[in-house]
PDB file of all heavy atoms in Angstrom:
ATOM      1  N   THR A   1       1.071  13.966  -2.845  1.00  0.00           N
ATOM      2  CA  THR A   1       0.348  15.262  -2.956  1.00  0.00           C
ATOM      3  C   THR A   1      -0.235  15.565  -1.518  1.00  0.00           C
ATOM      4  O   THR A   1      -0.406  14.605  -0.748  1.00  0.00           O
ATOM      5  CB  THR A   1      -0.918  15.174  -3.876  1.00  0.00           C
ATOM      6  OG1 THR A   1      -1.453  16.584  -3.997  1.00  0.00           O
ATOM      7  CG2 THR A   1      -1.928  14.286  -3.400  1.00  0.00           C
ATOM      8  N   VAL A   2      -0.490  16.813  -1.270  1.00  0.00           N
ATOM      9  CA  VAL A   2      -0.903  17.220   0.044  1.00  0.00           C
ATOM     10  C   VAL A   2      -2.283  17.906  -0.246  1.00  0.00           C
ATOM     11  O   VAL A   2      -2.312  18.812  -1.054  1.00  0.00           O
ATOM     12  CB  VAL A   2      -0.019  18.190   0.872  1.00  0.00           C
ATOM     13  CG1 VAL A   2      -0.684  18.646   2.179  1.00  0.00           C
ATOM     14  CG2 VAL A   2       1.366  17.508   1.189  1.00  0.00           C
ATOM     15  N   ILE A   3      -3.290  17.370   0.269  1.00  0.00           N
ATOM     16  CA  ILE A   3      -4.656  17.996   0.176  1.00  0.00           C
ATOM     17  C   ILE A   3      -5.118  18.675   1.412  1.00  0.00           C
ATOM     18  O   ILE A   3      -5.144  18.016   2.471  1.00  0.00           O
ATOM     19  CB  ILE A   3      -5.699  16.870  -0.310  1.00  0.00           C
ATOM     20  CG1 ILE A   3      -5.201  16.206  -1.537  1.00  0.00           C
ATOM     21  CG2 ILE A   3      -7.125  17.498  -0.437  1.00  0.00           C
ATOM     22  CD1 ILE A   3      -5.919  14.902  -1.917  1.00  0.00           C
ATOM     23  N   LYS A   4      -5.463  19.932   1.384  1.00  0.00           N
ATOM     24  CA  LYS A   4      -6.002  20.639   2.577  1.00  0.00           C
ATOM     25  C   LYS A   4      -7.379  20.120   2.753  1.00  0.00           C
ATOM     26  O   LYS A   4      -8.261  20.117   1.798  1.00  0.00           O
ATOM     27  CB  LYS A   4      -6.005  22.201   2.290  1.00  0.00           C
ATOM     28  CG  LYS A   4      -4.525  22.777   2.245  1.00  0.00           C
ATOM     29  CD  LYS A   4      -4.016  22.812   3.639  1.00  0.00           C
ATOM     30  CE  LYS A   4      -2.635  23.388   3.663  1.00  0.00           C
ATOM     31  NZ  LYS A   4      -1.914  23.006   4.916  1.00  0.00           N
ATOM     32  N   VAL A   5      -7.660  19.788   3.971  1.00  0.00           N
ATOM     33  CA  VAL A   5      -9.004  19.340   4.417  1.00  0.00           C
ATOM     34  C   VAL A   5      -9.599  20.130   5.574  1.00  0.00           C
ATOM     35  O   VAL A   5      -9.011  20.455   6.491  1.00  0.00           O
ATOM     36  CB  VAL A   5      -8.862  17.894   4.895  1.00  0.00           C
ATOM     37  CG1 VAL A   5     -10.301  17.322   5.169  1.00  0.00           C
ATOM     38  CG2 VAL A   5      -8.252  16.897   3.827  1.00  0.00           C
ATOM     39  N   GLY A   6     -10.880  20.557   5.209  1.00  0.00           N
ATOM     40  CA  GLY A   6     -11.587  21.411   6.118  1.00  0.00           C
ATOM     41  C   GLY A   6     -12.768  20.699   6.724  1.00  0.00           C
ATOM     42  O   GLY A   6     -13.288  19.777   6.031  1.00  0.00           O
ATOM     43  N   GLY A   7     -13.154  21.004   7.850  1.00  0.00           N
ATOM     44  CA  GLY A   7     -14.427  20.391   8.516  1.00  0.00           C
ATOM     45  C   GLY A   7     -14.102  19.184   9.390  1.00  0.00           C
ATOM     46  O   GLY A   7     -15.035  18.570   9.955  1.00  0.00           O
ATOM     47  N   MET A   8     -12.882  18.869   9.637  1.00  0.00           N
ATOM     48  CA  MET A   8     -12.496  17.703  10.431  1.00  0.00           C
ATOM     49  C   MET A   8     -12.576  18.255  11.943  1.00  0.00           C
ATOM     50  O   MET A   8     -11.952  19.293  12.151  1.00  0.00           O
ATOM     51  CB  MET A   8     -11.190  17.117  10.195  1.00  0.00           C
ATOM     52  CG  MET A   8     -10.980  16.417   8.863  1.00  0.00           C
ATOM     53  SD  MET A   8      -9.457  15.570   8.778  1.00  0.00           S
ATOM     54  CE  MET A   8      -8.188  16.906   8.791  1.00  0.00           C
ATOM     55  N   SER A   9     -13.204  17.436  12.823  1.00  0.00           N
ATOM     56  CA  SER A   9     -13.266  17.947  14.274  1.00  0.00           C
ATOM     57  C   SER A   9     -12.735  16.902  15.208  1.00  0.00           C
ATOM     58  O   SER A   9     -12.625  17.233  16.377  1.00  0.00           O
ATOM     59  CB  SER A   9     -14.624  18.313  14.532  1.00  0.00           C
ATOM     60  OG  SER A   9     -15.487  17.238  14.349  1.00  0.00           O
ATOM     61  N   CYS A  10     -12.475  15.715  14.724  1.00  0.00           N
ATOM     62  CA  CYS A  10     -12.099  14.638  15.667  1.00  0.00           C
ATOM     63  C   CYS A  10     -11.335  13.462  14.976  1.00  0.00           C
ATOM     64  O   CYS A  10     -11.199  13.484  13.749  1.00  0.00           O
ATOM     65  CB  CYS A  10     -13.336  14.035  16.440  1.00  0.00           C
ATOM     66  SG  CYS A  10     -14.448  13.218  15.237  1.00  0.00           S
ATOM     67  N   GLN A  11     -10.856  12.562  15.726  1.00  0.00           N
ATOM     68  CA  GLN A  11     -10.229  11.413  15.137  1.00  0.00           C
ATOM     69  C   GLN A  11     -11.115  10.495  14.333  1.00  0.00           C
ATOM     70  O   GLN A  11     -10.636   9.859  13.507  1.00  0.00           O
ATOM     71  CB  GLN A  11      -9.474  10.635  16.305  1.00  0.00           C
ATOM     72  CG  GLN A  11      -8.293  11.213  16.936  1.00  0.00           C
ATOM     73  CD  GLN A  11      -7.209  11.548  15.878  1.00  0.00           C
ATOM     74  OE1 GLN A  11      -6.938  10.723  14.999  1.00  0.00           O
ATOM     75  NE2 GLN A  11      -6.679  12.763  15.989  1.00  0.00           N
ATOM     76  N   GLY A  12     -12.311  10.542  14.629  1.00  0.00           N
ATOM     77  CA  GLY A  12     -13.310   9.832  13.853  1.00  0.00           C
ATOM     78  C   GLY A  12     -13.295  10.355  12.367  1.00  0.00           C
ATOM     79  O   GLY A  12     -13.461   9.565  11.413  1.00  0.00           O
ATOM     80  N   CYS A  13     -13.209  11.748  12.216  1.00  0.00           N
ATOM     81  CA  CYS A  13     -13.125  12.297  10.888  1.00  0.00           C
ATOM     82  C   CYS A  13     -11.854  11.887  10.111  1.00  0.00           C
ATOM     83  O   CYS A  13     -11.923  11.490   8.964  1.00  0.00           O
ATOM     84  CB  CYS A  13     -13.142  13.849  10.987  1.00  0.00           C
ATOM     85  SG  CYS A  13     -14.588  14.559  11.839  1.00  0.00           S
ATOM     86  N   VAL A  14     -10.760  11.875  10.914  1.00  0.00           N
ATOM     87  CA  VAL A  14      -9.530  11.339  10.339  1.00  0.00           C
ATOM     88  C   VAL A  14      -9.618   9.952   9.793  1.00  0.00           C
ATOM     89  O   VAL A  14      -9.206   9.654   8.747  1.00  0.00           O
ATOM     90  CB  VAL A  14      -8.395  11.515  11.452  1.00  0.00           C
ATOM     91  CG1 VAL A  14      -7.039  10.860  10.871  1.00  0.00           C
ATOM     92  CG2 VAL A  14      -8.137  12.943  11.803  1.00  0.00           C
ATOM     93  N   LYS A  15     -10.284   9.120  10.667  1.00  0.00           N
ATOM     94  CA  LYS A  15     -10.358   7.684  10.332  1.00  0.00           C
ATOM     95  C   LYS A  15     -11.316   7.555   8.958  1.00  0.00           C
ATOM     96  O   LYS A  15     -11.014   6.677   8.152  1.00  0.00           O
ATOM     97  CB  LYS A  15     -10.940   6.802  11.454  1.00  0.00           C
ATOM     98  CG  LYS A  15      -9.849   6.571  12.490  1.00  0.00           C
ATOM     99  CD  LYS A  15     -10.422   5.606  13.522  1.00  0.00           C
ATOM    100  CE  LYS A  15      -9.404   5.296  14.490  1.00  0.00           C
ATOM    101  NZ  LYS A  15      -9.853   4.963  15.867  1.00  0.00           N
ATOM    102  N   ASN A  16     -12.328   8.315   9.018  1.00  0.00           N
ATOM    103  CA  ASN A  16     -13.244   8.309   7.951  1.00  0.00           C
ATOM    104  C   ASN A  16     -12.542   8.720   6.593  1.00  0.00           C
ATOM    105  O   ASN A  16     -12.653   7.881   5.526  1.00  0.00           O
ATOM    106  CB  ASN A  16     -14.439   9.367   8.178  1.00  0.00           C
ATOM    107  CG  ASN A  16     -15.521   9.287   7.123  1.00  0.00           C
ATOM    108  OD1 ASN A  16     -15.403   8.589   6.112  1.00  0.00           O
ATOM    109  ND2 ASN A  16     -16.554  10.075   7.363  1.00  0.00           N
ATOM    110  N   ILE A  17     -11.807   9.657   6.578  1.00  0.00           N
ATOM    111  CA  ILE A  17     -11.099  10.140   5.337  1.00  0.00           C
ATOM    112  C   ILE A  17      -9.945   9.244   5.023  1.00  0.00           C
ATOM    113  O   ILE A  17      -9.891   8.892   3.919  1.00  0.00           O
ATOM    114  CB  ILE A  17     -10.511  11.606   5.543  1.00  0.00           C
ATOM    115  CG1 ILE A  17     -11.705  12.624   5.662  1.00  0.00           C
ATOM    116  CG2 ILE A  17      -9.668  11.998   4.455  1.00  0.00           C
ATOM    117  CD1 ILE A  17     -11.270  13.944   6.138  1.00  0.00           C
ATOM    118  N   SER A  18      -9.289   8.845   5.963  1.00  0.00           N
ATOM    119  CA  SER A  18      -8.231   7.758   5.779  1.00  0.00           C
ATOM    120  C   SER A  18      -8.781   6.494   5.053  1.00  0.00           C
ATOM    121  O   SER A  18      -8.231   5.915   4.090  1.00  0.00           O
ATOM    122  CB  SER A  18      -7.520   7.355   7.108  1.00  0.00           C
ATOM    123  OG  SER A  18      -6.826   8.355   7.650  1.00  0.00           O
ATOM    124  N   GLY A  19      -9.961   6.041   5.574  1.00  0.00           N
ATOM    125  CA  GLY A  19     -10.558   4.917   5.079  1.00  0.00           C
ATOM    126  C   GLY A  19     -11.038   5.046   3.603  1.00  0.00           C
ATOM    127  O   GLY A  19     -10.875   4.264   2.722  1.00  0.00           O
ATOM    128  N   VAL A  20     -11.606   6.267   3.349  1.00  0.00           N
ATOM    129  CA  VAL A  20     -12.115   6.623   1.954  1.00  0.00           C
ATOM    130  C   VAL A  20     -11.010   6.653   0.947  1.00  0.00           C
ATOM    131  O   VAL A  20     -11.050   6.048   0.043  1.00  0.00           O
ATOM    132  CB  VAL A  20     -12.823   7.968   1.937  1.00  0.00           C
ATOM    133  CG1 VAL A  20     -13.130   8.469   0.495  1.00  0.00           C
ATOM    134  CG2 VAL A  20     -14.210   7.776   2.608  1.00  0.00           C
ATOM    135  N   LEU A  21      -9.782   7.245   1.367  1.00  0.00           N
ATOM    136  CA  LEU A  21      -8.761   7.348   0.439  1.00  0.00           C
ATOM    137  C   LEU A  21      -8.006   6.023   0.257  1.00  0.00           C
ATOM    138  O   LEU A  21      -7.756   5.686  -0.900  1.00  0.00           O
ATOM    139  CB  LEU A  21      -7.693   8.432   0.998  1.00  0.00           C
ATOM    140  CG  LEU A  21      -8.150   9.880   0.945  1.00  0.00           C
ATOM    141  CD1 LEU A  21      -7.177  10.783   1.663  1.00  0.00           C
ATOM    142  CD2 LEU A  21      -8.416  10.363  -0.430  1.00  0.00           C
ATOM    143  N   SER A  22      -7.823   5.353   1.421  1.00  0.00           N
ATOM    144  CA  SER A  22      -7.066   4.057   1.284  1.00  0.00           C
ATOM    145  C   SER A  22      -7.853   3.025   0.398  1.00  0.00           C
ATOM    146  O   SER A  22      -7.193   2.076  -0.131  1.00  0.00           O
ATOM    147  CB  SER A  22      -6.897   3.519   2.711  1.00  0.00           C
ATOM    148  OG  SER A  22      -5.998   4.360   3.423  1.00  0.00           O
ATOM    149  N   ALA A  23      -9.250   3.150   0.411  1.00  0.00           N
ATOM    150  CA  ALA A  23      -9.994   2.218  -0.397  1.00  0.00           C
ATOM    151  C   ALA A  23      -9.883   2.432  -1.882  1.00  0.00           C
ATOM    152  O   ALA A  23     -10.369   1.529  -2.652  1.00  0.00           O
ATOM    153  CB  ALA A  23     -11.458   2.254   0.073  1.00  0.00           C
ATOM    154  N   MET A  24      -9.512   3.509  -2.269  1.00  0.00           N
ATOM    155  CA  MET A  24      -9.425   3.982  -3.701  1.00  0.00           C
ATOM    156  C   MET A  24      -8.223   3.152  -4.449  1.00  0.00           C
ATOM    157  O   MET A  24      -7.127   3.000  -3.883  1.00  0.00           O
ATOM    158  CB  MET A  24      -9.238   5.380  -3.947  1.00  0.00           C
ATOM    159  CG  MET A  24     -10.394   6.209  -3.319  1.00  0.00           C
ATOM    160  SD  MET A  24     -10.090   7.987  -3.502  1.00  0.00           S
ATOM    161  CE  MET A  24     -10.413   8.134  -5.283  1.00  0.00           C
ATOM    162  N   ALA A  25      -8.571   2.724  -5.596  1.00  0.00           N
ATOM    163  CA  ALA A  25      -7.586   2.010  -6.417  1.00  0.00           C
ATOM    164  C   ALA A  25      -6.528   3.029  -6.782  1.00  0.00           C
ATOM    165  O   ALA A  25      -6.719   4.200  -7.065  1.00  0.00           O
ATOM    166  CB  ALA A  25      -8.206   1.474  -7.727  1.00  0.00           C
ATOM    167  N   GLY A  26      -5.187   2.507  -6.569  1.00  0.00           N
ATOM    168  CA  GLY A  26      -4.097   3.409  -7.015  1.00  0.00           C
ATOM    169  C   GLY A  26      -3.464   4.168  -5.838  1.00  0.00           C
ATOM    170  O   GLY A  26      -2.483   4.797  -5.993  1.00  0.00           O
ATOM    171  N   VAL A  27      -4.200   4.080  -4.628  1.00  0.00           N
ATOM    172  CA  VAL A  27      -3.697   4.851  -3.483  1.00  0.00           C
ATOM    173  C   VAL A  27      -2.758   3.923  -2.699  1.00  0.00           C
ATOM    174  O   VAL A  27      -3.202   2.953  -2.210  1.00  0.00           O
ATOM    175  CB  VAL A  27      -4.787   5.362  -2.649  1.00  0.00           C
ATOM    176  CG1 VAL A  27      -4.254   5.956  -1.333  1.00  0.00           C
ATOM    177  CG2 VAL A  27      -5.570   6.420  -3.390  1.00  0.00           C
ATOM    178  N   ALA A  28      -1.489   4.353  -2.537  1.00  0.00           N
ATOM    179  CA  ALA A  28      -0.424   3.492  -1.800  1.00  0.00           C
ATOM    180  C   ALA A  28      -0.581   3.690  -0.332  1.00  0.00           C
ATOM    181  O   ALA A  28      -0.528   2.859   0.578  1.00  0.00           O
ATOM    182  CB  ALA A  28       0.910   3.777  -2.302  1.00  0.00           C
ATOM    183  N   SER A  29      -0.791   5.075  -0.008  1.00  0.00           N
ATOM    184  CA  SER A  29      -0.911   5.454   1.453  1.00  0.00           C
ATOM    185  C   SER A  29      -1.579   6.734   1.589  1.00  0.00           C
ATOM    186  O   SER A  29      -1.483   7.647   0.693  1.00  0.00           O
ATOM    187  CB  SER A  29       0.509   5.439   2.098  1.00  0.00           C
ATOM    188  OG  SER A  29       1.085   6.526   1.640  1.00  0.00           O
ATOM    189  N   ALA A  30      -2.304   6.854   2.794  1.00  0.00           N
ATOM    190  CA  ALA A  30      -3.044   8.053   3.036  1.00  0.00           C
ATOM    191  C   ALA A  30      -2.792   8.394   4.485  1.00  0.00           C
ATOM    192  O   ALA A  30      -3.132   7.669   5.333  1.00  0.00           O
ATOM    193  CB  ALA A  30      -4.410   7.912   2.688  1.00  0.00           C
ATOM    194  N   GLU A  31      -2.075   9.622   4.822  1.00  0.00           N
ATOM    195  CA  GLU A  31      -1.803   9.976   6.169  1.00  0.00           C
ATOM    196  C   GLU A  31      -2.515  11.332   6.378  1.00  0.00           C
ATOM    197  O   GLU A  31      -2.280  12.205   5.782  1.00  0.00           O
ATOM    198  CB  GLU A  31      -0.351  10.186   6.270  1.00  0.00           C
ATOM    199  CG  GLU A  31       0.180  10.449   7.590  1.00  0.00           C
ATOM    200  CD  GLU A  31       1.717  10.692   7.575  1.00  0.00           C
ATOM    201  OE1 GLU A  31       2.394   9.951   7.016  1.00  0.00           O
ATOM    202  OE2 GLU A  31       2.172  11.665   8.230  1.00  0.00           O
ATOM    203  N   VAL A  32      -3.638  11.207   7.172  1.00  0.00           N
ATOM    204  CA  VAL A  32      -4.481  12.367   7.564  1.00  0.00           C
ATOM    205  C   VAL A  32      -4.136  12.921   8.889  1.00  0.00           C
ATOM    206  O   VAL A  32      -4.012  12.203   9.884  1.00  0.00           O
ATOM    207  CB  VAL A  32      -5.949  11.990   7.478  1.00  0.00           C
ATOM    208  CG1 VAL A  32      -6.750  13.149   7.685  1.00  0.00           C
ATOM    209  CG2 VAL A  32      -6.223  11.213   6.139  1.00  0.00           C
ATOM    210  N   SER A  33      -4.021  14.203   8.941  1.00  0.00           N
ATOM    211  CA  SER A  33      -3.626  14.845  10.168  1.00  0.00           C
ATOM    212  C   SER A  33      -4.677  15.909  10.537  1.00  0.00           C
ATOM    213  O   SER A  33      -4.994  16.884   9.773  1.00  0.00           O
ATOM    214  CB  SER A  33      -2.277  15.705   9.921  1.00  0.00           C
ATOM    215  OG  SER A  33      -2.128  16.452  11.090  1.00  0.00           O
ATOM    216  N   LEU A  34      -5.298  15.699  11.745  1.00  0.00           N
ATOM    217  CA  LEU A  34      -6.366  16.681  12.283  1.00  0.00           C
ATOM    218  C   LEU A  34      -5.609  18.033  12.510  1.00  0.00           C
ATOM    219  O   LEU A  34      -6.228  18.967  12.223  1.00  0.00           O
ATOM    220  CB  LEU A  34      -7.046  16.037  13.434  1.00  0.00           C
ATOM    221  CG  LEU A  34      -8.073  16.932  14.187  1.00  0.00           C
ATOM    222  CD1 LEU A  34      -9.235  17.075  13.341  1.00  0.00           C
ATOM    223  CD2 LEU A  34      -8.496  16.135  15.530  1.00  0.00           C
ATOM    224  N   GLU A  35      -4.516  17.913  13.193  1.00  0.00           N
ATOM    225  CA  GLU A  35      -3.835  19.194  13.563  1.00  0.00           C
ATOM    226  C   GLU A  35      -3.378  20.055  12.414  1.00  0.00           C
ATOM    227  O   GLU A  35      -3.542  21.281  12.450  1.00  0.00           O
ATOM    228  CB  GLU A  35      -2.528  18.842  14.462  1.00  0.00           C
ATOM    229  CG  GLU A  35      -2.871  18.211  15.737  1.00  0.00           C
ATOM    230  CD  GLU A  35      -3.231  16.791  15.638  1.00  0.00           C
ATOM    231  OE1 GLU A  35      -2.957  16.192  14.588  1.00  0.00           O
ATOM    232  OE2 GLU A  35      -3.874  16.122  16.651  1.00  0.00           O
ATOM    233  N   ALA A  36      -2.947  19.475  11.334  1.00  0.00           N
ATOM    234  CA  ALA A  36      -2.470  20.226  10.168  1.00  0.00           C
ATOM    235  C   ALA A  36      -3.648  20.420   9.175  1.00  0.00           C
ATOM    236  O   ALA A  36      -3.446  21.166   8.274  1.00  0.00           O
ATOM    237  CB  ALA A  36      -1.390  19.440   9.527  1.00  0.00           C
ATOM    238  N   ALA A  37      -4.744  19.852   9.370  1.00  0.00           N
ATOM    239  CA  ALA A  37      -5.895  19.887   8.516  1.00  0.00           C
ATOM    240  C   ALA A  37      -5.502  19.504   7.090  1.00  0.00           C
ATOM    241  O   ALA A  37      -5.781  20.366   6.105  1.00  0.00           O
ATOM    242  CB  ALA A  37      -6.582  21.230   8.542  1.00  0.00           C
ATOM    243  N   GLU A  38      -4.824  18.382   6.953  1.00  0.00           N
ATOM    244  CA  GLU A  38      -4.544  17.962   5.618  1.00  0.00           C
ATOM    245  C   GLU A  38      -4.351  16.354   5.504  1.00  0.00           C
ATOM    246  O   GLU A  38      -4.279  15.709   6.489  1.00  0.00           O
ATOM    247  CB  GLU A  38      -3.029  18.614   5.272  1.00  0.00           C
ATOM    248  CG  GLU A  38      -1.959  18.109   6.109  1.00  0.00           C
ATOM    249  CD  GLU A  38      -0.618  18.832   5.799  1.00  0.00           C
ATOM    250  OE1 GLU A  38      -0.617  19.995   5.238  1.00  0.00           O
ATOM    251  OE2 GLU A  38       0.453  18.215   6.179  1.00  0.00           O
ATOM    252  N   ALA A  39      -4.325  16.012   4.178  1.00  0.00           N
ATOM    253  CA  ALA A  39      -4.102  14.620   3.923  1.00  0.00           C
ATOM    254  C   ALA A  39      -2.920  14.422   3.017  1.00  0.00           C
ATOM    255  O   ALA A  39      -2.867  15.216   2.045  1.00  0.00           O
ATOM    256  CB  ALA A  39      -5.298  14.063   3.265  1.00  0.00           C
ATOM    257  N   LYS A  40      -1.939  13.677   3.364  1.00  0.00           N
ATOM    258  CA  LYS A  40      -0.758  13.404   2.557  1.00  0.00           C
ATOM    259  C   LYS A  40      -0.964  12.044   1.922  1.00  0.00           C
ATOM    260  O   LYS A  40      -1.141  11.107   2.607  1.00  0.00           O
ATOM    261  CB  LYS A  40       0.540  13.375   3.399  1.00  0.00           C
ATOM    262  CG  LYS A  40       0.974  14.720   3.939  1.00  0.00           C
ATOM    263  CD  LYS A  40       2.206  14.637   4.810  1.00  0.00           C
ATOM    264  CE  LYS A  40       2.439  16.035   5.329  1.00  0.00           C
ATOM    265  NZ  LYS A  40       3.645  15.960   6.328  1.00  0.00           N
ATOM    266  N   VAL A  41      -1.114  12.081   0.565  1.00  0.00           N
ATOM    267  CA  VAL A  41      -1.439  10.899  -0.201  1.00  0.00           C
ATOM    268  C   VAL A  41      -0.394  10.543  -1.182  1.00  0.00           C
ATOM    269  O   VAL A  41       0.132  11.363  -2.010  1.00  0.00           O
ATOM    270  CB  VAL A  41      -2.796  11.107  -0.940  1.00  0.00           C
ATOM    271  CG1 VAL A  41      -3.228   9.759  -1.464  1.00  0.00           C
ATOM    272  CG2 VAL A  41      -3.877  11.602   0.157  1.00  0.00           C
ATOM    273  N   ALA A  42       0.051   9.152  -1.142  1.00  0.00           N
ATOM    274  CA  ALA A  42       0.940   8.670  -2.149  1.00  0.00           C
ATOM    275  C   ALA A  42       0.024   7.865  -3.136  1.00  0.00           C
ATOM    276  O   ALA A  42      -0.670   6.972  -2.708  1.00  0.00           O
ATOM    277  CB  ALA A  42       2.033   7.819  -1.502  1.00  0.00           C
ATOM    278  N   PHE A  43       0.106   8.218  -4.365  1.00  0.00           N
ATOM    279  CA  PHE A  43      -0.873   7.481  -5.341  1.00  0.00           C
ATOM    280  C   PHE A  43      -0.188   7.363  -6.591  1.00  0.00           C
ATOM    281  O   PHE A  43       0.846   7.924  -6.976  1.00  0.00           O
ATOM    282  CB  PHE A  43      -2.086   8.300  -5.407  1.00  0.00           C
ATOM    283  CG  PHE A  43      -2.030   9.665  -6.102  1.00  0.00           C
ATOM    284  CD1 PHE A  43      -2.282   9.815  -7.451  1.00  0.00           C
ATOM    285  CD2 PHE A  43      -1.459  10.767  -5.460  1.00  0.00           C
ATOM    286  CE1 PHE A  43      -2.059  11.111  -8.067  1.00  0.00           C
ATOM    287  CE2 PHE A  43      -1.220  11.970  -6.026  1.00  0.00           C
ATOM    288  CZ  PHE A  43      -1.606  12.163  -7.367  1.00  0.00           C
ATOM    289  N   ASP A  44      -0.742   6.377  -7.540  1.00  0.00           N
ATOM    290  CA  ASP A  44      -0.328   6.100  -8.780  1.00  0.00           C
ATOM    291  C   ASP A  44      -1.061   6.994  -9.711  1.00  0.00           C
ATOM    292  O   ASP A  44      -2.341   6.695  -9.868  1.00  0.00           O
ATOM    293  CB  ASP A  44      -0.479   4.646  -9.032  1.00  0.00           C
ATOM    294  CG  ASP A  44      -0.104   4.219 -10.521  1.00  0.00           C
ATOM    295  OD1 ASP A  44       0.296   5.091 -11.307  1.00  0.00           O
ATOM    296  OD2 ASP A  44      -0.161   3.092 -10.849  1.00  0.00           O
ATOM    297  N   PRO A  45      -0.504   8.043 -10.412  1.00  0.00           N
ATOM    298  CA  PRO A  45      -1.289   8.872 -11.274  1.00  0.00           C
ATOM    299  C   PRO A  45      -1.905   8.162 -12.494  1.00  0.00           C
ATOM    300  O   PRO A  45      -2.716   8.693 -13.159  1.00  0.00           O
ATOM    301  CB  PRO A  45      -0.240   9.941 -11.592  1.00  0.00           C
ATOM    302  CG  PRO A  45       1.128   9.354 -11.381  1.00  0.00           C
ATOM    303  CD  PRO A  45       0.924   8.368 -10.256  1.00  0.00           C
ATOM    304  N   GLN A  46      -1.342   6.969 -12.795  1.00  0.00           N
ATOM    305  CA  GLN A  46      -1.971   6.128 -13.874  1.00  0.00           C
ATOM    306  C   GLN A  46      -3.213   5.524 -13.487  1.00  0.00           C
ATOM    307  O   GLN A  46      -4.049   5.335 -14.322  1.00  0.00           O
ATOM    308  CB  GLN A  46      -0.947   5.075 -14.305  1.00  0.00           C
ATOM    309  CG  GLN A  46       0.454   5.427 -14.637  1.00  0.00           C
ATOM    310  CD  GLN A  46       0.665   5.908 -15.961  1.00  0.00           C
ATOM    311  OE1 GLN A  46      -0.125   5.452 -16.899  1.00  0.00           O
ATOM    312  NE2 GLN A  46       1.649   6.636 -16.282  1.00  0.00           N
TER     313      GLN A  46
END
């Protein structure tokens, strides 16, 4: 899934969101882009 993310202003924001998503059970990968203002997440819907 691709989630549009607003309010990111720096790489610190990107790391924060990446860390939050990666720590969640069922998340295989989280790729956050400051430039595109989005997070691409691979997850187990179960």
